[in-house]
Amino acid sequence: MGAWEDQAKRTNNYRLHWSEAQDFNFIAALLSATNEEEVKAAYVREFSLPVKTQERHDLVVDKVLFEFKYSVKLKKIEIAAKVIAQAIY
């Protein structure tokens, strides 16, 4: 394949990914999520985040850590404290 063909292939791939991204509804994805992995995938897709899962954390992007909790009720202070402690350490 020549340089022009390579560039045309990359351009078509970018166009395909762009059109798929336009059809994505972040809020609908969050509302229909049934587990933490689906919530994480929605954030990764919406914000085009590089997927790095260091030291078994949910998602790390440069200096930001995302800790996803799907079925945890954060209104109870004991439970919220455990989640915050997990995110800190």
Protein backbone atom coordinates (compact mmCIF):
# COMPACT_ATOMS: atom_id res chain seq x y z
CA MET A 1 0.00 0.00 0.00
CA GLY A 2 1.25 3.45 -0.84
CA ALA A 3 1.23 6.54 1.34
CA TRP A 4 -1.99 7.85 -0.22
CA GLU A 5 -3.82 4.59 0.34
CA ASP A 6 -2.63 4.48 3.98
CA GLN A 7 -3.83 8.03 4.53
CA ALA A 8 -7.20 7.26 2.91
CA LYS A 9 -7.62 4.20 5.13
CA ARG A 10 -6.80 6.18 8.30
CA THR A 11 -9.16 8.97 7.26
CA ASN A 12 -11.98 6.49 6.69
CA ASN A 13 -11.33 4.89 10.07
CA TYR A 14 -11.42 8.30 11.79
CA ARG A 15 -14.64 9.16 9.97
CA LEU A 16 -16.22 5.86 11.08
CA HIS A 17 -15.22 6.38 14.72
CA TRP A 18 -16.45 9.98 14.62
CA SER A 19 -19.87 8.97 13.25
CA GLU A 20 -20.19 6.23 15.88
CA ALA A 21 -19.34 8.74 18.59
CA GLN A 22 -22.07 11.08 17.36
CA ASP A 23 -24.67 8.36 17.94
CA PHE A 24 -23.54 7.78 21.54
CA ASN A 25 -25.80 9.12 24.30
CA PHE A 26 -23.82 9.41 27.55
CA ILE A 27 -26.81 9.94 29.85
CA ALA A 28 -28.74 7.06 28.29
CA ALA A 29 -25.68 4.83 28.67
CA LEU A 30 -25.42 5.72 32.37
CA LEU A 31 -29.12 5.20 32.98
CA SER A 32 -29.11 1.81 31.28
CA ALA A 33 -25.87 0.61 32.92
CA THR A 34 -26.29 -2.53 34.99
CA ASN A 35 -22.80 -2.74 36.51
CA GLU A 36 -19.64 -0.74 37.23
CA GLU A 37 -17.91 -1.84 34.03
CA GLU A 38 -20.68 -0.35 31.87
CA VAL A 39 -20.45 2.94 33.80
CA LYS A 40 -16.68 2.98 33.31
CA ALA A 41 -17.06 2.23 29.60
CA ALA A 42 -19.51 5.14 29.22
CA TYR A 43 -17.01 7.58 30.76
CA VAL A 44 -14.16 6.23 28.64
CA ARG A 45 -16.22 6.60 25.48
CA GLU A 46 -17.75 10.00 26.26
CA PHE A 47 -14.48 11.66 27.19
CA SER A 48 -12.16 9.61 24.92
CA LEU A 49 -10.11 8.57 27.93
CA PRO A 50 -7.06 6.37 27.54
CA VAL A 51 -7.74 3.15 29.39
CA LYS A 52 -5.12 2.64 32.10
CA THR A 53 -5.96 0.44 35.07
CA GLN A 54 -2.92 0.70 37.31
CA GLU A 55 -2.65 -1.13 40.61
CA ARG A 56 -6.20 -2.48 40.28
CA HIS A 57 -7.82 0.97 40.38
CA ASP A 58 -10.91 1.42 38.26
CA LEU A 59 -9.54 4.04 35.88
CA VAL A 60 -6.51 6.34 36.07
CA VAL A 61 -6.00 9.27 33.71
CA ASP A 62 -2.84 11.29 34.33
CA LYS A 63 -3.51 12.59 37.85
CA VAL A 64 -7.20 11.75 38.11
CA LEU A 65 -8.56 8.56 39.63
CA PHE A 66 -12.10 7.45 38.89
CA GLU A 67 -13.61 5.05 41.42
CA PHE A 68 -16.85 3.64 40.07
CA LYS A 69 -19.52 2.33 42.42
CA TYR A 70 -22.73 1.13 40.87
CA SER A 71 -24.79 -0.49 43.60
CA VAL A 72 -23.46 1.36 46.66
CA LYS A 73 -25.80 3.62 48.63
CA LEU A 74 -23.67 6.65 49.53
CA LYS A 75 -26.31 8.20 51.81
CA LYS A 76 -25.03 6.13 54.74
CA ILE A 77 -21.94 7.80 56.18
CA GLU A 78 -20.23 4.49 57.02
CA ILE A 79 -20.50 3.27 53.45
CA ALA A 80 -19.48 6.63 51.96
CA ALA A 81 -16.43 6.71 54.24
CA LYS A 82 -15.31 3.27 52.99
CA VAL A 83 -15.63 4.38 49.36
CA ILE A 84 -13.71 7.61 49.99
CA ALA A 85 -11.00 5.73 51.86
CA GLN A 86 -10.70 3.26 48.98
CA ALA A 87 -10.33 6.13 46.50
CA ILE A 88 -7.65 7.84 48.62
CA TYR A 89 -5.55 4.74 49.15
